[in-house]
Structure formats: structure tokens, C-alpha cells
Amino acid sequence: AAYPIADELIRQGVPFVFYTGYGGEIIPERFAGVKLWQKPFDPLELVEDIGRLCRR
């Protein structure tokens, strides 16, 4: 599972998103503040979100 990696990214302050074909209900509550991209995604949303993540 990707959750140990996500925990480490949070610990290190590295911004990230979850990208899944499943609904947000599969993401543990501790990641409630992490952006979720669902398949299929909008390329414009991808560009906007990456821009926001890079400004953090």
C-alpha cells in the first residue's frame, strides 16, 4: 500500500496527491487534507494542482 510512503512524505513536508480510480472513502482519515485526483482526471486540474503544490 502507498500509505507508509504517504506518511513519510508528510513527515518530510513533501507535497503530494493521491491518484486513484476508487472513491475517496478508501483513503484513511489521517490523509483528509491531501488532494485526491480521481481517474479520469482533467489535465487543467492537474496543472493547477501542481502549481499550488509547488508554491507550498
C-alpha atoms as a PDB file:
ATOM      1  CA  ALA A   1       0.000   0.000   0.000  1.00  0.00           C
ATOM      2  CA  ALA A   2       1.067   3.574  -0.600  1.00  0.00           C
ATOM      3  CA  TYR A   3       0.128   4.771   2.870  1.00  0.00           C
ATOM      4  CA  PRO A   4       3.539   4.259   4.528  1.00  0.00           C
ATOM      5  CA  ILE A   5       5.062   6.306   1.702  1.00  0.00           C
ATOM      6  CA  ALA A   6       2.408   8.983   2.175  1.00  0.00           C
ATOM      7  CA  ASP A   7       3.154   9.046   5.915  1.00  0.00           C
ATOM      8  CA  GLU A   8       6.838   9.605   5.170  1.00  0.00           C
ATOM      9  CA  LEU A   9       6.111  12.337   2.619  1.00  0.00           C
ATOM     10  CA  ILE A  10       4.018  14.141   5.217  1.00  0.00           C
ATOM     11  CA  ARG A  11       6.742  13.679   7.831  1.00  0.00           C
ATOM     12  CA  GLN A  12       9.272  15.247   5.461  1.00  0.00           C
ATOM     13  CA  GLY A  13       6.920  18.034   4.360  1.00  0.00           C
ATOM     14  CA  VAL A  14       6.826  16.869   0.739  1.00  0.00           C
ATOM     15  CA  PRO A  15       3.573  17.811  -1.027  1.00  0.00           C
ATOM     16  CA  PHE A  16       1.767  15.046  -2.900  1.00  0.00           C
ATOM     17  CA  VAL A  17      -1.627  13.933  -4.145  1.00  0.00           C
ATOM     18  CA  PHE A  18      -3.431  10.620  -4.221  1.00  0.00           C
ATOM     19  CA  TYR A  19      -4.396   9.457  -7.708  1.00  0.00           C
ATOM     20  CA  THR A  20      -6.915   6.637  -7.850  1.00  0.00           C
ATOM     21  CA  GLY A  21      -9.773   5.153  -9.766  1.00  0.00           C
ATOM     22  CA  TYR A  22     -11.545   4.490  -6.479  1.00  0.00           C
ATOM     23  CA  GLY A  23     -13.505   6.894  -4.332  1.00  0.00           C
ATOM     24  CA  GLY A  24     -12.029   8.949  -1.542  1.00  0.00           C
ATOM     25  CA  GLU A  25     -13.516   6.615   1.047  1.00  0.00           C
ATOM     26  CA  ILE A  26     -10.551   4.268   0.566  1.00  0.00           C
ATOM     27  CA  ILE A  27      -8.112   6.927   1.794  1.00  0.00           C
ATOM     28  CA  PRO A  28      -7.535   6.766   5.569  1.00  0.00           C
ATOM     29  CA  GLU A  29      -8.876   9.706   7.568  1.00  0.00           C
ATOM     30  CA  ARG A  30      -5.363  10.823   8.550  1.00  0.00           C
ATOM     31  CA  PHE A  31      -4.905  11.940   4.935  1.00  0.00           C
ATOM     32  CA  ALA A  32      -8.086  14.027   4.821  1.00  0.00           C
ATOM     33  CA  GLY A  33      -6.103  17.152   3.907  1.00  0.00           C
ATOM     34  CA  VAL A  34      -4.344  15.539   0.933  1.00  0.00           C
ATOM     35  CA  LYS A  35      -5.713  16.298  -2.522  1.00  0.00           C
ATOM     36  CA  LEU A  36      -7.340  13.367  -4.305  1.00  0.00           C
ATOM     37  CA  TRP A  37      -7.302  13.051  -8.078  1.00  0.00           C
ATOM     38  CA  GLN A  38      -9.721  10.509  -9.453  1.00  0.00           C
ATOM     39  CA  LYS A  39      -9.486   8.805 -12.812  1.00  0.00           C
ATOM     40  CA  PRO A  40     -10.224  10.068 -15.334  1.00  0.00           C
ATOM     41  CA  PHE A  41      -8.714  13.416 -14.437  1.00  0.00           C
ATOM     42  CA  ASP A  42      -8.925  16.829 -16.010  1.00  0.00           C
ATOM     43  CA  PRO A  43      -5.481  17.885 -17.334  1.00  0.00           C
ATOM     44  CA  LEU A  44      -6.215  21.510 -16.435  1.00  0.00           C
ATOM     45  CA  GLU A  45      -6.913  20.491 -12.840  1.00  0.00           C
ATOM     46  CA  LEU A  46      -3.607  18.610 -12.814  1.00  0.00           C
ATOM     47  CA  VAL A  47      -1.688  21.713 -13.909  1.00  0.00           C
ATOM     48  CA  GLU A  48      -3.470  23.927 -11.371  1.00  0.00           C
ATOM     49  CA  ASP A  49      -2.918  21.498  -8.505  1.00  0.00           C
ATOM     50  CA  ILE A  50       0.756  21.006  -9.312  1.00  0.00           C
ATOM     51  CA  GLY A  51       1.161  24.778  -9.356  1.00  0.00           C
ATOM     52  CA  ARG A  52      -0.428  25.004  -5.901  1.00  0.00           C
ATOM     53  CA  LEU A  53       1.743  22.199  -4.552  1.00  0.00           C
ATOM     54  CA  CYS A  54       4.904  23.871  -5.845  1.00  0.00           C
ATOM     55  CA  ARG A  55       4.032  27.136  -4.098  1.00  0.00           C
ATOM     56  CA  ARG A  56       3.820  25.483  -0.668  1.00  0.00           C
END
